[in-house]
Amino acid sequence: MLIENSSDLIQSVEQAQLPSGKPADLATLVNGQVLVVSEDALAVYRSVADVSDELGNGLRASVSIPSAYTLPVQTQAFIQEHRAGYVGLSDGRVLLITLNDVQMFPSKQDALRNQNEVVRLPLG
C-alpha cells in the first residue's frame, strides 16, 4: 500500500467577497492561516472567519500590489493552479510560498530565477 504524501502548502481555495466588496481568493494554508489574493493586495489572516471581520482582527500582514502589476478582475478565480509552494495566477503572474514569505513575480521564468520580485509578504 502506498501512503499518499503531499507537499502542497495550500489545502483549499475558495472565492469570496471582502468586506470592501472586492472579489478575492482565500487559500487556506497547511498551518491554518489564510492567504488572501485580491486584485491589488495580498494578505495573511489567522483563519477564514477573520477575513470577514471589518475591524481587521486576525490580520497578520498585508501588502499592496503596485498598480503596474494589479491583477485583472474577471469571472474566474485569481488562483488558477497550485503545487507545493508554487501558485499560478490568472494573468501569468506567480506566487512562491516559502516557510517565511509569499513572493509575487511577473512570470514563471522570473520566479524560477528568483528575480524581478514584485512584492513580498511575511508569513511570520
PDB file of N, CA and C in Angstrom:
ATOM      1  N   MET A   1       0.839  -1.170   0.000  1.00  0.00           N
ATOM      2  CA  MET A   1       0.000   0.000   0.000  1.00  0.00           C
ATOM      3  C   MET A   1       0.887   1.237   0.000  1.00  0.00           C
ATOM      4  N   LEU A   2       0.580   2.172  -0.863  1.00  0.00           N
ATOM      5  CA  LEU A   2       1.310   3.427  -0.927  1.00  0.00           C
ATOM      6  C   LEU A   2       0.670   4.448  -0.003  1.00  0.00           C
ATOM      7  N   ILE A   3       1.491   5.189   0.675  1.00  0.00           N
ATOM      8  CA  ILE A   3       0.990   6.265   1.525  1.00  0.00           C
ATOM      9  C   ILE A   3       1.082   7.549   0.711  1.00  0.00           C
ATOM     10  N   GLU A   4      -0.039   8.235   0.610  1.00  0.00           N
ATOM     11  CA  GLU A   4      -0.067   9.466  -0.185  1.00  0.00           C
ATOM     12  C   GLU A   4       0.449  10.625   0.653  1.00  0.00           C
ATOM     13  N   ASN A   5       1.530  11.225   0.212  1.00  0.00           N
ATOM     14  CA  ASN A   5       2.083  12.412   0.846  1.00  0.00           C
ATOM     15  C   ASN A   5       1.981  13.553  -0.132  1.00  0.00           C
ATOM     16  N   SER A   6       1.695  14.713   0.373  1.00  0.00           N
ATOM     17  CA  SER A   6       1.578  15.879  -0.478  1.00  0.00           C
ATOM     18  C   SER A   6       2.479  16.980   0.064  1.00  0.00           C
ATOM     19  N   SER A   7       3.135  17.674  -0.837  1.00  0.00           N
ATOM     20  CA  SER A   7       3.964  18.800  -0.441  1.00  0.00           C
ATOM     21  C   SER A   7       3.232  20.114  -0.648  1.00  0.00           C
ATOM     22  N   ASP A   8       1.945  20.043  -1.006  1.00  0.00           N
ATOM     23  CA  ASP A   8       1.171  21.260  -1.223  1.00  0.00           C
ATOM     24  C   ASP A   8       1.068  22.063   0.068  1.00  0.00           C
ATOM     25  N   LEU A   9       1.330  23.352  -0.033  1.00  0.00           N
ATOM     26  CA  LEU A   9       1.195  24.234   1.116  1.00  0.00           C
ATOM     27  C   LEU A   9      -0.216  24.795   1.217  1.00  0.00           C
ATOM     28  N   ILE A  10      -1.004  24.635   0.147  1.00  0.00           N
ATOM     29  CA  ILE A  10      -2.390  25.104   0.126  1.00  0.00           C
ATOM     30  C   ILE A  10      -3.315  23.900   0.244  1.00  0.00           C
ATOM     31  N   GLN A  11      -4.178  23.922   1.255  1.00  0.00           N
ATOM     32  CA  GLN A  11      -5.142  22.840   1.443  1.00  0.00           C
ATOM     33  C   GLN A  11      -6.377  23.030   0.586  1.00  0.00           C
ATOM     34  N   SER A  12      -6.861  24.278   0.494  1.00  0.00           N
ATOM     35  CA  SER A  12      -8.066  24.551  -0.279  1.00  0.00           C
ATOM     36  C   SER A  12      -8.091  26.007  -0.726  1.00  0.00           C
ATOM     37  N   VAL A  13      -8.875  26.260  -1.771  1.00  0.00           N
ATOM     38  CA  VAL A  13      -9.041  27.617  -2.294  1.00  0.00           C
ATOM     39  C   VAL A  13     -10.523  27.854  -2.502  1.00  0.00           C
ATOM     40  N   GLU A  14     -10.991  29.014  -2.058  1.00  0.00           N
ATOM     41  CA  GLU A  14     -12.378  29.387  -2.293  1.00  0.00           C
ATOM     42  C   GLU A  14     -12.457  30.850  -2.695  1.00  0.00           C
ATOM     43  N   GLN A  15     -13.467  31.169  -3.488  1.00  0.00           N
ATOM     44  CA  GLN A  15     -13.685  32.553  -3.879  1.00  0.00           C
ATOM     45  C   GLN A  15     -14.611  33.202  -2.863  1.00  0.00           C
ATOM     46  N   ALA A  16     -14.368  34.476  -2.572  1.00  0.00           N
ATOM     47  CA  ALA A  16     -15.171  35.198  -1.595  1.00  0.00           C
ATOM     48  C   ALA A  16     -15.207  36.675  -1.963  1.00  0.00           C
ATOM     49  N   GLN A  17     -16.038  37.381  -1.252  1.00  0.00           N
ATOM     50  CA  GLN A  17     -16.099  38.829  -1.404  1.00  0.00           C
ATOM     51  C   GLN A  17     -15.614  39.436  -0.094  1.00  0.00           C
ATOM     52  N   LEU A  18     -14.677  40.365  -0.181  1.00  0.00           N
ATOM     53  CA  LEU A  18     -14.139  41.016   1.004  1.00  0.00           C
ATOM     54  C   LEU A  18     -15.148  42.025   1.546  1.00  0.00           C
ATOM     55  N   PRO A  19     -15.011  42.452   2.808  1.00  0.00           N
ATOM     56  CA  PRO A  19     -15.920  43.470   3.353  1.00  0.00           C
ATOM     57  C   PRO A  19     -15.956  44.748   2.494  1.00  0.00           C
ATOM     58  N   SER A  20     -14.882  45.017   1.768  1.00  0.00           N
ATOM     59  CA  SER A  20     -14.838  46.191   0.887  1.00  0.00           C
ATOM     60  C   SER A  20     -15.651  45.995  -0.389  1.00  0.00           C
ATOM     61  N   GLY A  21     -16.094  44.753  -0.628  1.00  0.00           N
ATOM     62  CA  GLY A  21     -16.865  44.448  -1.829  1.00  0.00           C
ATOM     63  C   GLY A  21     -16.039  43.878  -2.968  1.00  0.00           C
ATOM     64  N   LYS A  22     -14.726  43.847  -2.796  1.00  0.00           N
ATOM     65  CA  LYS A  22     -13.845  43.326  -3.839  1.00  0.00           C
ATOM     66  C   LYS A  22     -13.837  41.803  -3.833  1.00  0.00           C
ATOM     67  N   PRO A  23     -13.738  41.185  -5.018  1.00  0.00           N
ATOM     68  CA  PRO A  23     -13.601  39.728  -5.061  1.00  0.00           C
ATOM     69  C   PRO A  23     -12.189  39.319  -4.643  1.00  0.00           C
ATOM     70  N   ALA A  24     -12.075  38.131  -4.066  1.00  0.00           N
ATOM     71  CA  ALA A  24     -10.772  37.635  -3.623  1.00  0.00           C
ATOM     72  C   ALA A  24     -10.794  36.113  -3.602  1.00  0.00           C
ATOM     73  N   ASP A  25      -9.609  35.537  -3.640  1.00  0.00           N
ATOM     74  CA  ASP A  25      -9.440  34.102  -3.435  1.00  0.00           C
ATOM     75  C   ASP A  25      -8.857  33.905  -2.050  1.00  0.00           C
ATOM     76  N   LEU A  26      -9.422  32.966  -1.313  1.00  0.00           N
ATOM     77  CA  LEU A  26      -8.942  32.635   0.022  1.00  0.00           C
ATOM     78  C   LEU A  26      -8.289  31.263  -0.046  1.00  0.00           C
ATOM     79  N   ALA A  27      -6.980  31.240   0.151  1.00  0.00           N
ATOM     80  CA  ALA A  27      -6.222  29.987   0.102  1.00  0.00           C
ATOM     81  C   ALA A  27      -5.859  29.590   1.531  1.00  0.00           C
ATOM     82  N   THR A  28      -6.446  28.504   2.001  1.00  0.00           N
ATOM     83  CA  THR A  28      -6.140  28.014   3.342  1.00  0.00           C
ATOM     84  C   THR A  28      -4.842  27.224   3.282  1.00  0.00           C
ATOM     85  N   LEU A  29      -3.868  27.660   4.075  1.00  0.00           N
ATOM     86  CA  LEU A  29      -2.553  27.032   4.098  1.00  0.00           C
ATOM     87  C   LEU A  29      -2.546  25.862   5.085  1.00  0.00           C
ATOM     88  N   VAL A  30      -1.541  25.012   4.984  1.00  0.00           N
ATOM     89  CA  VAL A  30      -1.468  23.827   5.836  1.00  0.00           C
ATOM     90  C   VAL A  30      -1.354  24.170   7.318  1.00  0.00           C
ATOM     91  N   ASN A  31      -0.872  25.362   7.652  1.00  0.00           N
ATOM     92  CA  ASN A  31      -0.761  25.765   9.056  1.00  0.00           C
ATOM     93  C   ASN A  31      -2.037  26.433   9.567  1.00  0.00           C
ATOM     94  N   GLY A  32      -3.088  26.483   8.742  1.00  0.00           N
ATOM     95  CA  GLY A  32      -4.357  27.058   9.158  1.00  0.00           C
ATOM     96  C   GLY A  32      -4.532  28.516   8.797  1.00  0.00           C
ATOM     97  N   GLN A  33      -3.442  29.212   8.496  1.00  0.00           N
ATOM     98  CA  GLN A  33      -3.552  30.610   8.085  1.00  0.00           C
ATOM     99  C   GLN A  33      -4.204  30.691   6.705  1.00  0.00           C
ATOM    100  N   VAL A  34      -4.694  31.879   6.364  1.00  0.00           N
ATOM    101  CA  VAL A  34      -5.359  32.079   5.083  1.00  0.00           C
ATOM    102  C   VAL A  34      -4.648  33.167   4.302  1.00  0.00           C
ATOM    103  N   LEU A  35      -4.234  32.828   3.086  1.00  0.00           N
ATOM    104  CA  LEU A  35      -3.642  33.790   2.168  1.00  0.00           C
ATOM    105  C   LEU A  35      -4.766  34.347   1.315  1.00  0.00           C
ATOM    106  N   VAL A  36      -4.940  35.663   1.346  1.00  0.00           N
ATOM    107  CA  VAL A  36      -5.991  36.330   0.575  1.00  0.00           C
ATOM    108  C   VAL A  36      -5.336  37.012  -0.619  1.00  0.00           C
ATOM    109  N   VAL A  37      -5.823  36.661  -1.815  1.00  0.00           N
ATOM    110  CA  VAL A  37      -5.320  37.259  -3.050  1.00  0.00           C
ATOM    111  C   VAL A  37      -6.458  38.063  -3.660  1.00  0.00           C
ATOM    112  N   SER A  38      -6.252  39.374  -3.780  1.00  0.00           N
ATOM    113  CA  SER A  38      -7.235  40.234  -4.445  1.00  0.00           C
ATOM    114  C   SER A  38      -6.529  40.961  -5.575  1.00  0.00           C
ATOM    115  N   GLU A  39      -7.260  41.781  -6.304  1.00  0.00           N
ATOM    116  CA  GLU A  39      -6.675  42.442  -7.469  1.00  0.00           C
ATOM    117  C   GLU A  39      -5.503  43.349  -7.123  1.00  0.00           C
ATOM    118  N   ASP A  40      -5.512  43.953  -5.941  1.00  0.00           N
ATOM    119  CA  ASP A  40      -4.489  44.944  -5.619  1.00  0.00           C
ATOM    120  C   ASP A  40      -3.755  44.703  -4.303  1.00  0.00           C
ATOM    121  N   ALA A  41      -3.919  43.508  -3.703  1.00  0.00           N
ATOM    122  CA  ALA A  41      -3.248  43.253  -2.426  1.00  0.00           C
ATOM    123  C   ALA A  41      -3.132  41.757  -2.139  1.00  0.00           C
ATOM    124  N   LEU A  42      -2.180  41.445  -1.277  1.00  0.00           N
ATOM    125  CA  LEU A  42      -2.032  40.116  -0.683  1.00  0.00           C
ATOM    126  C   LEU A  42      -2.115  40.316   0.825  1.00  0.00           C
ATOM    127  N   ALA A  43      -2.744  39.372   1.513  1.00  0.00           N
ATOM    128  CA  ALA A  43      -2.850  39.469   2.967  1.00  0.00           C
ATOM    129  C   ALA A  43      -2.843  38.072   3.571  1.00  0.00           C
ATOM    130  N   VAL A  44      -2.451  37.995   4.838  1.00  0.00           N
ATOM    131  CA  VAL A  44      -2.482  36.745   5.579  1.00  0.00           C
ATOM    132  C   VAL A  44      -3.316  36.976   6.836  1.00  0.00           C
ATOM    133  N   TYR A  45      -4.287  36.067   7.057  1.00  0.00           N
ATOM    134  CA  TYR A  45      -5.155  36.110   8.225  1.00  0.00           C
ATOM    135  C   TYR A  45      -4.980  34.829   9.032  1.00  0.00           C
ATOM    136  N   ARG A  46      -5.385  34.877  10.299  1.00  0.00           N
ATOM    137  CA  ARG A  46      -5.313  33.691  11.158  1.00  0.00           C
ATOM    138  C   ARG A  46      -6.228  32.588  10.677  1.00  0.00           C
ATOM    139  N   SER A  47      -7.439  32.959  10.202  1.00  0.00           N
ATOM    140  CA  SER A  47      -8.418  31.956   9.779  1.00  0.00           C
ATOM    141  C   SER A  47      -9.365  32.555   8.737  1.00  0.00           C
ATOM    142  N   VAL A  48     -10.155  31.720   8.101  1.00  0.00           N
ATOM    143  CA  VAL A  48     -11.128  32.179   7.107  1.00  0.00           C
ATOM    144  C   VAL A  48     -12.152  33.107   7.744  1.00  0.00           C
ATOM    145  N   ALA A  49     -12.602  32.800   8.962  1.00  0.00           N
ATOM    146  CA  ALA A  49     -13.587  33.641   9.645  1.00  0.00           C
ATOM    147  C   ALA A  49     -13.068  35.056   9.878  1.00  0.00           C
ATOM    148  N   ASP A  50     -11.763  35.198  10.103  1.00  0.00           N
ATOM    149  CA  ASP A  50     -11.173  36.514  10.358  1.00  0.00           C
ATOM    150  C   ASP A  50     -11.190  37.424   9.138  1.00  0.00           C
ATOM    151  N   VAL A  51     -11.272  36.856   7.950  1.00  0.00           N
ATOM    152  CA  VAL A  51     -11.246  37.655   6.722  1.00  0.00           C
ATOM    153  C   VAL A  51     -12.462  38.574   6.647  1.00  0.00           C
ATOM    154  N   SER A  52     -13.605  38.134   7.141  1.00  0.00           N
ATOM    155  CA  SER A  52     -14.829  38.934   7.056  1.00  0.00           C
ATOM    156  C   SER A  52     -14.972  39.948   8.189  1.00  0.00           C
ATOM    157  N   ASP A  53     -14.036  39.979   9.117  1.00  0.00           N
ATOM    158  CA  ASP A  53     -14.080  40.926  10.231  1.00  0.00           C
ATOM    159  C   ASP A  53     -13.682  42.311   9.734  1.00  0.00           C
ATOM    160  N   GLU A  54     -14.629  43.238   9.720  1.00  0.00           N
ATOM    161  CA  GLU A  54     -14.375  44.588   9.199  1.00  0.00           C
ATOM    162  C   GLU A  54     -13.362  45.372  10.023  1.00  0.00           C
ATOM    163  N   LEU A  55     -13.148  44.980  11.273  1.00  0.00           N
ATOM    164  CA  LEU A  55     -12.174  45.663  12.114  1.00  0.00           C
ATOM    165  C   LEU A  55     -10.750  45.173  11.881  1.00  0.00           C
ATOM    166  N   GLY A  56     -10.603  44.113  11.107  1.00  0.00           N
ATOM    167  CA  GLY A  56      -9.273  43.607  10.790  1.00  0.00           C
ATOM    168  C   GLY A  56      -8.671  42.722  11.847  1.00  0.00           C
ATOM    169  N   ASN A  57      -9.477  42.274  12.808  1.00  0.00           N
ATOM    170  CA  ASN A  57      -8.952  41.323  13.800  1.00  0.00           C
ATOM    171  C   ASN A  57      -8.539  40.054  13.075  1.00  0.00           C
ATOM    172  N   GLY A  58      -7.406  39.556  13.401  1.00  0.00           N
ATOM    173  CA  GLY A  58      -6.911  38.339  12.759  1.00  0.00           C
ATOM    174  C   GLY A  58      -5.996  38.608  11.589  1.00  0.00           C
ATOM    175  N   LEU A  59      -5.872  39.860  11.164  1.00  0.00           N
ATOM    176  CA  LEU A  59      -4.954  40.194  10.071  1.00  0.00           C
ATOM    177  C   LEU A  59      -3.528  40.103  10.587  1.00  0.00           C
ATOM    178  N   ARG A  60      -2.722  39.279   9.948  1.00  0.00           N
ATOM    179  CA  ARG A  60      -1.319  39.111  10.348  1.00  0.00           C
ATOM    180  C   ARG A  60      -0.407  40.058   9.586  1.00  0.00           C
ATOM    181  N   ALA A  61      -0.640  40.168   8.273  1.00  0.00           N
ATOM    182  CA  ALA A  61       0.192  41.036   7.435  1.00  0.00           C
ATOM    183  C   ALA A  61      -0.523  41.270   6.118  1.00  0.00           C
ATOM    184  N   SER A  62      -0.212  42.390   5.496  1.00  0.00           N
ATOM    185  CA  SER A  62      -0.751  42.659   4.159  1.00  0.00           C
ATOM    186  C   SER A  62       0.237  43.528   3.395  1.00  0.00           C
ATOM    187  N   VAL A  63       0.121  43.473   2.081  1.00  0.00           N
ATOM    188  CA  VAL A  63       0.971  44.274   1.218  1.00  0.00           C
ATOM    189  C   VAL A  63       0.172  44.636  -0.032  1.00  0.00           C
ATOM    190  N   SER A  64       0.315  45.877  -0.466  1.00  0.00           N
ATOM    191  CA  SER A  64      -0.340  46.331  -1.689  1.00  0.00           C
ATOM    192  C   SER A  64       0.470  45.894  -2.897  1.00  0.00           C
ATOM    193  N   ILE A  65      -0.235  45.555  -3.959  1.00  0.00           N
ATOM    194  CA  ILE A  65       0.420  45.220  -5.228  1.00  0.00           C
ATOM    195  C   ILE A  65       0.546  46.522  -6.023  1.00  0.00           C
ATOM    196  N   PRO A  66       1.733  46.868  -6.512  1.00  0.00           N
ATOM    197  CA  PRO A  66       1.890  48.099  -7.295  1.00  0.00           C
ATOM    198  C   PRO A  66       0.922  48.132  -8.481  1.00  0.00           C
ATOM    199  N   SER A  67       0.460  49.326  -8.834  1.00  0.00           N
ATOM    200  CA  SER A  67      -0.568  49.469  -9.879  1.00  0.00           C
ATOM    201  C   SER A  67      -0.164  48.840 -11.211  1.00  0.00           C
ATOM    202  N   ALA A  68       1.109  48.809 -11.520  1.00  0.00           N
ATOM    203  CA  ALA A  68       1.560  48.200 -12.781  1.00  0.00           C
ATOM    204  C   ALA A  68       1.382  46.684 -12.782  1.00  0.00           C
ATOM    205  N   TYR A  69       1.179  46.081 -11.609  1.00  0.00           N
ATOM    206  CA  TYR A  69       1.083  44.622 -11.502  1.00  0.00           C
ATOM    207  C   TYR A  69      -0.255  44.140 -10.933  1.00  0.00           C
ATOM    208  N   THR A  70      -1.249  45.034 -10.809  1.00  0.00           N
ATOM    209  CA  THR A  70      -2.532  44.597 -10.273  1.00  0.00           C
ATOM    210  C   THR A  70      -3.121  43.506 -11.160  1.00  0.00           C
ATOM    211  N   LEU A  71      -3.892  42.645 -10.545  1.00  0.00           N
ATOM    212  CA  LEU A  71      -4.485  41.515 -11.251  1.00  0.00           C
ATOM    213  C   LEU A  71      -5.811  41.930 -11.874  1.00  0.00           C
ATOM    214  N   PRO A  72      -6.097  41.475 -13.081  1.00  0.00           N
ATOM    215  CA  PRO A  72      -7.368  41.820 -13.706  1.00  0.00           C
ATOM    216  C   PRO A  72      -8.531  41.110 -13.012  1.00  0.00           C
ATOM    217  N   VAL A  73      -9.597  41.866 -12.761  1.00  0.00           N
ATOM    218  CA  VAL A  73     -10.790  41.273 -12.158  1.00  0.00           C
ATOM    219  C   VAL A  73     -11.586  40.621 -13.273  1.00  0.00           C
ATOM    220  N   GLN A  74     -11.947  39.371 -13.068  1.00  0.00           N
ATOM    221  CA  GLN A  74     -12.699  38.627 -14.062  1.00  0.00           C
ATOM    222  C   GLN A  74     -13.607  37.635 -13.352  1.00  0.00           C
ATOM    223  N   THR A  75     -14.353  36.892 -14.116  1.00  0.00           N
ATOM    224  CA  THR A  75     -15.307  35.975 -13.507  1.00  0.00           C
ATOM    225  C   THR A  75     -14.625  34.746 -12.917  1.00  0.00           C
ATOM    226  N   GLN A  76     -13.439  34.405 -13.389  1.00  0.00           N
ATOM    227  CA  GLN A  76     -12.743  33.242 -12.854  1.00  0.00           C
ATOM    228  C   GLN A  76     -11.869  33.624 -11.668  1.00  0.00           C
ATOM    229  N   ALA A  77     -11.378  32.646 -10.987  1.00  0.00           N
ATOM    230  CA  ALA A  77     -10.560  32.857  -9.795  1.00  0.00           C
ATOM    231  C   ALA A  77      -9.209  33.474 -10.148  1.00  0.00           C
ATOM    232  N   PHE A  78      -8.617  34.158  -9.183  1.00  0.00           N
ATOM    233  CA  PHE A  78      -7.263  34.682  -9.358  1.00  0.00           C
ATOM    234  C   PHE A  78      -6.264  33.525  -9.371  1.00  0.00           C
ATOM    235  N   ILE A  79      -6.463  32.551  -8.472  1.00  0.00           N
ATOM    236  CA  ILE A  79      -5.568  31.392  -8.377  1.00  0.00           C
ATOM    237  C   ILE A  79      -6.033  30.334  -9.365  1.00  0.00           C
ATOM    238  N   GLN A  80      -5.174  30.020 -10.323  1.00  0.00           N
ATOM    239  CA  GLN A  80      -5.510  29.056 -11.354  1.00  0.00           C
ATOM    240  C   GLN A  80      -4.962  27.660 -11.069  1.00  0.00           C
ATOM    241  N   GLU A  81      -3.805  27.596 -10.420  1.00  0.00           N
ATOM    242  CA  GLU A  81      -3.194  26.302 -10.104  1.00  0.00           C
ATOM    243  C   GLU A  81      -2.250  26.463  -8.928  1.00  0.00           C
ATOM    244  N   HIS A  82      -2.015  25.369  -8.229  1.00  0.00           N
ATOM    245  CA  HIS A  82      -1.035  25.394  -7.141  1.00  0.00           C
ATOM    246  C   HIS A  82      -0.483  23.992  -6.918  1.00  0.00           C
ATOM    247  N   ARG A  83       0.818  23.967  -6.676  1.00  0.00           N
ATOM    248  CA  ARG A  83       1.549  22.734  -6.379  1.00  0.00           C
ATOM    249  C   ARG A  83       2.703  23.097  -5.458  1.00  0.00           C
ATOM    250  N   ALA A  84       2.817  22.371  -4.372  1.00  0.00           N
ATOM    251  CA  ALA A  84       3.865  22.643  -3.384  1.00  0.00           C
ATOM    252  C   ALA A  84       3.769  24.118  -2.984  1.00  0.00           C
ATOM    253  N   GLY A  85       4.806  24.915  -3.226  1.00  0.00           N
ATOM    254  CA  GLY A  85       4.778  26.334  -2.893  1.00  0.00           C
ATOM    255  C   GLY A  85       4.554  27.233  -4.088  1.00  0.00           C
ATOM    256  N   TYR A  86       4.241  26.639  -5.244  1.00  0.00           N
ATOM    257  CA  TYR A  86       4.011  27.396  -6.479  1.00  0.00           C
ATOM    258  C   TYR A  86       2.518  27.705  -6.627  1.00  0.00           C
ATOM    259  N   VAL A  87       2.203  28.960  -6.960  1.00  0.00           N
ATOM    260  CA  VAL A  87       0.819  29.355  -7.202  1.00  0.00           C
ATOM    261  C   VAL A  87       0.780  30.137  -8.512  1.00  0.00           C
ATOM    262  N   GLY A  88       0.100  29.584  -9.516  1.00  0.00           N
ATOM    263  CA  GLY A  88      -0.073  30.261 -10.794  1.00  0.00           C
ATOM    264  C   GLY A  88      -1.327  31.113 -10.760  1.00  0.00           C
ATOM    265  N   LEU A  89      -1.185  32.390 -11.105  1.00  0.00           N
ATOM    266  CA  LEU A  89      -2.312  33.311 -11.093  1.00  0.00           C
ATOM    267  C   LEU A  89      -2.919  33.471 -12.481  1.00  0.00           C
ATOM    268  N   SER A  90      -4.094  34.068 -12.554  1.00  0.00           N
ATOM    269  CA  SER A  90      -4.885  34.122 -13.781  1.00  0.00           C
ATOM    270  C   SER A  90      -4.232  34.884 -14.924  1.00  0.00           C
ATOM    271  N   ASP A  91      -3.321  35.771 -14.659  1.00  0.00           N
ATOM    272  CA  ASP A  91      -2.718  36.567 -15.729  1.00  0.00           C
ATOM    273  C   ASP A  91      -1.269  36.187 -16.021  1.00  0.00           C
ATOM    274  N   GLY A  92      -0.822  35.033 -15.538  1.00  0.00           N
ATOM    275  CA  GLY A  92       0.550  34.593 -15.782  1.00  0.00           C
ATOM    276  C   GLY A  92       1.511  34.957 -14.674  1.00  0.00           C
ATOM    277  N   ARG A  93       1.088  35.781 -13.729  1.00  0.00           N
ATOM    278  CA  ARG A  93       1.947  36.098 -12.591  1.00  0.00           C
ATOM    279  C   ARG A  93       2.042  34.863 -11.691  1.00  0.00           C
ATOM    280  N   VAL A  94       3.040  34.866 -10.815  1.00  0.00           N
ATOM    281  CA  VAL A  94       3.312  33.695  -9.984  1.00  0.00           C
ATOM    282  C   VAL A  94       3.544  34.124  -8.545  1.00  0.00           C
ATOM    283  N   LEU A  95       3.006  33.329  -7.613  1.00  0.00           N
ATOM    284  CA  LEU A  95       3.343  33.469  -6.204  1.00  0.00           C
ATOM    285  C   LEU A  95       4.191  32.273  -5.810  1.00  0.00           C
ATOM    286  N   LEU A  96       5.240  32.516  -5.030  1.00  0.00           N
ATOM    287  CA  LEU A  96       6.021  31.442  -4.420  1.00  0.00           C
ATOM    288  C   LEU A  96       5.826  31.551  -2.917  1.00  0.00           C
ATOM    289  N   ILE A  97       5.372  30.460  -2.314  1.00  0.00           N
ATOM    290  CA  ILE A  97       5.166  30.428  -0.870  1.00  0.00           C
ATOM    291  C   ILE A  97       6.304  29.629  -0.259  1.00  0.00           C
ATOM    292  N   THR A  98       7.017  30.267   0.662  1.00  0.00           N
ATOM    293  CA  THR A  98       8.079  29.589   1.406  1.00  0.00           C
ATOM    294  C   THR A  98       7.659  29.531   2.871  1.00  0.00           C
ATOM    295  N   LEU A  99       8.504  29.031   3.719  1.00  0.00           N
ATOM    296  CA  LEU A  99       8.182  28.968   5.139  1.00  0.00           C
ATOM    297  C   LEU A  99       8.017  30.349   5.758  1.00  0.00           C
ATOM    298  N   ASN A 100       8.722  31.340   5.225  1.00  0.00           N
ATOM    299  CA  ASN A 100       8.728  32.670   5.834  1.00  0.00           C
ATOM    300  C   ASN A 100       7.963  33.731   5.063  1.00  0.00           C
ATOM    301  N   ASP A 101       7.811  33.564   3.755  1.00  0.00           N
ATOM    302  CA  ASP A 101       7.269  34.638   2.926  1.00  0.00           C
ATOM    303  C   ASP A 101       6.405  34.120   1.789  1.00  0.00           C
ATOM    304  N   VAL A 102       5.640  35.053   1.215  1.00  0.00           N
ATOM    305  CA  VAL A 102       4.979  34.851  -0.073  1.00  0.00           C
ATOM    306  C   VAL A 102       5.565  35.913  -0.992  1.00  0.00           C
ATOM    307  N   GLN A 103       6.091  35.481  -2.134  1.00  0.00           N
ATOM    308  CA  GLN A 103       6.687  36.409  -3.092  1.00  0.00           C
ATOM    309  C   GLN A 103       5.858  36.397  -4.368  1.00  0.00           C
ATOM    310  N   MET A 104       5.672  37.574  -4.975  1.00  0.00           N
ATOM    311  CA  MET A 104       4.998  37.665  -6.266  1.00  0.00           C
ATOM    312  C   MET A 104       6.028  38.027  -7.330  1.00  0.00           C
ATOM    313  N   PHE A 105       5.939  37.308  -8.459  1.00  0.00           N
ATOM    314  CA  PHE A 105       6.813  37.546  -9.595  1.00  0.00           C
ATOM    315  C   PHE A 105       5.966  37.786 -10.843  1.00  0.00           C
ATOM    316  N   PRO A 106       6.500  38.524 -11.820  1.00  0.00           N
ATOM    317  CA  PRO A 106       5.750  38.794 -13.048  1.00  0.00           C
ATOM    318  C   PRO A 106       5.493  37.552 -13.901  1.00  0.00           C
ATOM    319  N   SER A 107       6.371  36.535 -13.805  1.00  0.00           N
ATOM    320  CA  SER A 107       6.234  35.358 -14.676  1.00  0.00           C
ATOM    321  C   SER A 107       6.876  34.134 -14.027  1.00  0.00           C
ATOM    322  N   LYS A 108       6.631  32.966 -14.632  1.00  0.00           N
ATOM    323  CA  LYS A 108       7.255  31.723 -14.154  1.00  0.00           C
ATOM    324  C   LYS A 108       8.769  31.803 -14.261  1.00  0.00           C
ATOM    325  N   GLN A 109       9.254  32.361 -15.368  1.00  0.00           N
ATOM    326  CA  GLN A 109      10.700  32.450 -15.581  1.00  0.00           C
ATOM    327  C   GLN A 109      11.357  33.305 -14.499  1.00  0.00           C
ATOM    328  N   ASP A 110      10.724  34.428 -14.148  1.00  0.00           N
ATOM    329  CA  ASP A 110      11.273  35.275 -13.086  1.00  0.00           C
ATOM    330  C   ASP A 110      11.258  34.547 -11.743  1.00  0.00           C
ATOM    331  N   ALA A 111      10.199  33.795 -11.477  1.00  0.00           N
ATOM    332  CA  ALA A 111      10.113  33.048 -10.224  1.00  0.00           C
ATOM    333  C   ALA A 111      11.201  31.981 -10.155  1.00  0.00           C
ATOM    334  N   LEU A 112      11.429  31.269 -11.263  1.00  0.00           N
ATOM    335  CA  LEU A 112      12.472  30.244 -11.291  1.00  0.00           C
ATOM    336  C   LEU A 112      13.853  30.827 -11.025  1.00  0.00           C
ATOM    337  N   ARG A 113      14.077  32.018 -11.499  1.00  0.00           N
ATOM    338  CA  ARG A 113      15.379  32.668 -11.327  1.00  0.00           C
ATOM    339  C   ARG A 113      15.441  33.527 -10.061  1.00  0.00           C
ATOM    340  N   ASN A 114      14.302  33.647  -9.363  1.00  0.00           N
ATOM    341  CA  ASN A 114      14.196  34.498  -8.184  1.00  0.00           C
ATOM    342  C   ASN A 114      14.664  35.920  -8.485  1.00  0.00           C
ATOM    343  N   GLN A 115      14.119  36.468  -9.567  1.00  0.00           N
ATOM    344  CA  GLN A 115      14.473  37.833  -9.959  1.00  0.00           C
ATOM    345  C   GLN A 115      13.207  38.614 -10.295  1.00  0.00           C
ATOM    346  N   ASN A 116      13.304  39.932 -10.237  1.00  0.00           N
ATOM    347  CA  ASN A 116      12.206  40.846 -10.532  1.00  0.00           C
ATOM    348  C   ASN A 116      11.013  40.653  -9.591  1.00  0.00           C
ATOM    349  N   GLU A 117      11.285  40.419  -8.331  1.00  0.00           N
ATOM    350  CA  GLU A 117      10.222  40.281  -7.339  1.00  0.00           C
ATOM    351  C   GLU A 117       9.367  41.543  -7.316  1.00  0.00           C
ATOM    352  N   VAL A 118       8.049  41.366  -7.329  1.00  0.00           N
ATOM    353  CA  VAL A 118       7.127  42.500  -7.306  1.00  0.00           C
ATOM    354  C   VAL A 118       6.836  42.911  -5.876  1.00  0.00           C
ATOM    355  N   VAL A 119       6.403  41.958  -5.042  1.00  0.00           N
ATOM    356  CA  VAL A 119       6.154  42.217  -3.621  1.00  0.00           C
ATOM    357  C   VAL A 119       6.515  40.979  -2.813  1.00  0.00           C
ATOM    358  N   ARG A 120       6.706  41.215  -1.506  1.00  0.00           N
ATOM    359  CA  ARG A 120       6.991  40.132  -0.563  1.00  0.00           C
ATOM    360  C   ARG A 120       6.101  40.327   0.656  1.00  0.00           C
ATOM    361  N   LEU A 121       5.424  39.256   1.051  1.00  0.00           N
ATOM    362  CA  LEU A 121       4.530  39.291   2.202  1.00  0.00           C
ATOM    363  C   LEU A 121       5.077  38.332   3.259  1.00  0.00           C
ATOM    364  N   PRO A 122       5.426  38.823   4.449  1.00  0.00           N
ATOM    365  CA  PRO A 122       5.924  37.928   5.501  1.00  0.00           C
ATOM    366  C   PRO A 122       4.806  37.071   6.081  1.00  0.00           C
ATOM    367  N   LEU A 123       5.090  35.807   6.331  1.00  0.00           N
ATOM    368  CA  LEU A 123       4.116  34.892   6.923  1.00  0.00           C
ATOM    369  C   LEU A 123       4.251  34.788   8.435  1.00  0.00           C
ATOM    370  N   GLY A 124       5.383  35.198   8.982  1.00  0.00           N
ATOM    371  CA  GLY A 124       5.644  35.014  10.411  1.00  0.00           C
ATOM    372  C   GLY A 124       5.119  36.048  11.311  1.00  0.00           C
TER     373      GLY A 124
END
